[in-house]
């Protein structure tokens, strides 16, 4: 059996963390993936730095706190994306922005920084998320 694809979801909204993980479970393919879900940038950095949890793919929100109890940062996710893509050890991790923030300028900035895709919450069916995860992790 192939080793599972490691996915990290960085999302401050608890409902969205549960939703993303459950999408794969409901479609009967959760065994193909190893999920980690975190609610802030500090935990995401810890997950990326650990060889056991270093993801192949990250679903990343744009508006995120930097630590537990931290205030929301309008572009915290983009700063994390920039860190990932500028580090030789993490630059090959695929990143999909999954955000409710649909500002055209932010979307262009995320793609320029190296995000593979920019998805708006509420505009993509669960099957779209699965398809994208499968395509990007090949």
Protein backbone atom coordinates (compact mmCIF):
# COMPACT_ATOMS: atom_id res chain seq x y z
CA UNK A 1 0.00 0.00 0.00
CA UNK A 2 1.22 3.49 -0.87
CA UNK A 3 2.03 5.81 1.99
CA UNK A 4 -0.73 8.33 2.66
CA UNK A 5 -0.47 11.85 1.29
CA UNK A 6 0.09 14.29 4.14
CA UNK A 7 -2.31 17.22 4.17
CA UNK A 8 -2.20 20.14 6.56
CA UNK A 9 -5.19 22.43 6.96
CA UNK A 10 -4.36 25.80 8.51
CA UNK A 11 -7.71 27.28 9.46
CA UNK A 12 -8.83 29.36 12.44
CA UNK A 13 -12.52 28.47 12.03
CA UNK A 14 -13.30 25.20 13.85
CA UNK A 15 -16.22 24.34 11.57
CA UNK A 16 -14.02 24.66 8.47
CA UNK A 17 -11.28 22.50 10.06
CA UNK A 18 -13.82 19.74 10.68
CA UNK A 19 -15.43 20.20 7.25
CA UNK A 20 -12.23 19.79 5.26
CA UNK A 21 -11.11 16.67 7.10
CA UNK A 22 -14.60 15.12 6.95
CA UNK A 23 -14.93 15.71 3.20
CA UNK A 24 -12.30 13.05 2.57
CA UNK A 25 -13.76 10.70 5.18
CA UNK A 26 -17.31 11.00 3.77
CA UNK A 27 -16.04 10.09 0.31
CA UNK A 28 -14.34 6.97 1.67
CA UNK A 29 -10.79 7.99 0.82
CA UNK A 30 -9.47 9.23 4.15
CA UNK A 31 -7.07 6.25 4.33
CA UNK A 32 -5.24 7.74 1.32
CA UNK A 33 -4.46 10.87 3.32
CA UNK A 34 -2.90 11.75 6.65
CA UNK A 35 -4.54 14.91 7.98
CA UNK A 36 -3.31 17.48 10.42
CA UNK A 37 -5.49 20.45 11.21
CA UNK A 38 -4.18 23.48 13.07
CA UNK A 39 -5.68 26.83 13.93
CA UNK A 40 -2.71 29.20 13.78
CA UNK A 41 0.58 29.90 12.06
CA UNK A 42 2.79 28.80 14.98
CA UNK A 43 1.24 25.32 14.97
CA UNK A 44 1.54 25.19 11.17
CA UNK A 45 5.25 26.04 11.40
CA UNK A 46 5.72 23.29 14.00
CA UNK A 47 3.92 20.78 11.78
CA UNK A 48 6.02 21.70 8.74
CA UNK A 49 9.26 21.49 10.73
CA UNK A 50 8.51 17.97 12.03
CA UNK A 51 9.54 15.23 9.56
CA UNK A 52 6.66 13.04 10.84
CA UNK A 53 4.02 15.65 9.98
CA UNK A 54 5.67 17.68 7.20
CA UNK A 55 2.86 17.96 4.64
CA UNK A 56 2.83 17.31 0.92
CA UNK A 57 -0.08 19.73 0.56
CA UNK A 58 -1.40 22.62 2.64
CA UNK A 59 -4.90 24.08 2.53
CA UNK A 60 -4.19 27.57 3.88
CA UNK A 61 -6.53 30.33 4.99
CA UNK A 62 -5.44 33.93 4.43
CA UNK A 63 -6.73 35.54 7.62
CA UNK A 64 -5.08 33.74 10.55
CA UNK A 65 -3.76 34.37 14.06
CA UNK A 66 -0.04 33.85 14.51
CA UNK A 67 -0.47 31.93 17.80
CA UNK A 68 -3.10 30.61 20.21
CA UNK A 69 -5.21 33.50 21.40
CA UNK A 70 -3.56 35.85 18.94
CA UNK A 71 -5.54 38.42 17.04
CA UNK A 72 -6.44 37.68 13.46
CA UNK A 73 -3.93 38.94 10.94
CA UNK A 74 -5.46 39.97 7.61
CA UNK A 75 -2.51 38.55 5.68
CA UNK A 76 -1.00 36.06 8.13
CA UNK A 77 -1.50 33.18 5.71
CA UNK A 78 0.31 35.04 2.93
CA UNK A 79 3.30 35.69 5.17
CA UNK A 80 3.38 31.98 6.04
CA UNK A 81 3.16 31.13 2.32
CA UNK A 82 6.06 33.46 1.60
CA UNK A 83 8.15 31.80 4.35
CA UNK A 84 7.40 28.34 2.94
CA UNK A 85 8.22 29.20 -0.64
CA UNK A 86 11.44 31.07 0.22
CA UNK A 87 12.85 28.16 2.25
CA UNK A 88 14.67 25.50 0.17
CA UNK A 89 13.46 22.77 2.58
CA UNK A 90 9.76 23.66 2.20
CA UNK A 91 9.46 25.38 -1.18
CA UNK A 92 8.12 22.22 -2.86
CA UNK A 93 5.16 21.82 -0.51
CA UNK A 94 2.03 22.47 -2.55
CA UNK A 95 -0.23 25.20 -1.16
CA UNK A 96 -3.88 25.84 -1.94
CA UNK A 97 -5.33 29.00 -0.50
CA UNK A 98 -8.82 28.21 0.82
CA UNK A 99 -10.30 31.45 2.07
CA UNK A 100 -13.47 33.50 2.30
CA UNK A 101 -11.36 36.53 1.42
CA UNK A 102 -11.97 37.10 -2.30
CA UNK A 103 -10.07 40.34 -2.88
CA UNK A 104 -8.50 40.23 -6.37
CA UNK A 105 -5.28 41.87 -5.17
CA UNK A 106 -4.84 39.27 -2.40
CA UNK A 107 -5.51 36.43 -4.84
CA UNK A 108 -2.90 37.75 -7.28
CA UNK A 109 -0.39 38.18 -4.45
CA UNK A 110 -0.96 34.59 -3.24
CA UNK A 111 -0.45 33.16 -6.72
CA UNK A 112 2.64 35.30 -7.23
CA UNK A 113 4.05 34.03 -3.92
CA UNK A 114 3.68 30.44 -5.15
CA UNK A 115 0.22 29.16 -4.22
CA UNK A 116 -0.94 26.53 -6.72
CA UNK A 117 -4.60 27.57 -6.46
CA UNK A 118 -6.80 30.13 -4.75
CA UNK A 119 -10.21 28.76 -3.79
CA UNK A 120 -13.04 30.70 -2.24
CA UNK A 121 -14.95 29.03 0.57
CA UNK A 122 -18.51 28.36 -0.47
CA UNK A 123 -17.73 28.32 -4.19
CA UNK A 124 -16.19 24.85 -4.41
CA UNK A 125 -17.91 21.52 -3.99
CA UNK A 126 -16.32 18.94 -1.70
CA UNK A 127 -15.50 16.85 -4.77
CA UNK A 128 -13.47 19.80 -6.11
CA UNK A 129 -11.31 19.80 -2.98
CA UNK A 130 -10.71 16.07 -3.29
CA UNK A 131 -9.86 16.31 -6.99
CA UNK A 132 -7.43 19.17 -6.37
CA UNK A 133 -5.74 17.32 -3.50
CA UNK A 134 -5.35 14.21 -5.64
CA UNK A 135 -4.01 16.16 -8.64
CA UNK A 136 -1.52 18.24 -6.66
CA UNK A 137 -0.19 15.31 -4.65
CA UNK A 138 0.79 13.24 -7.68
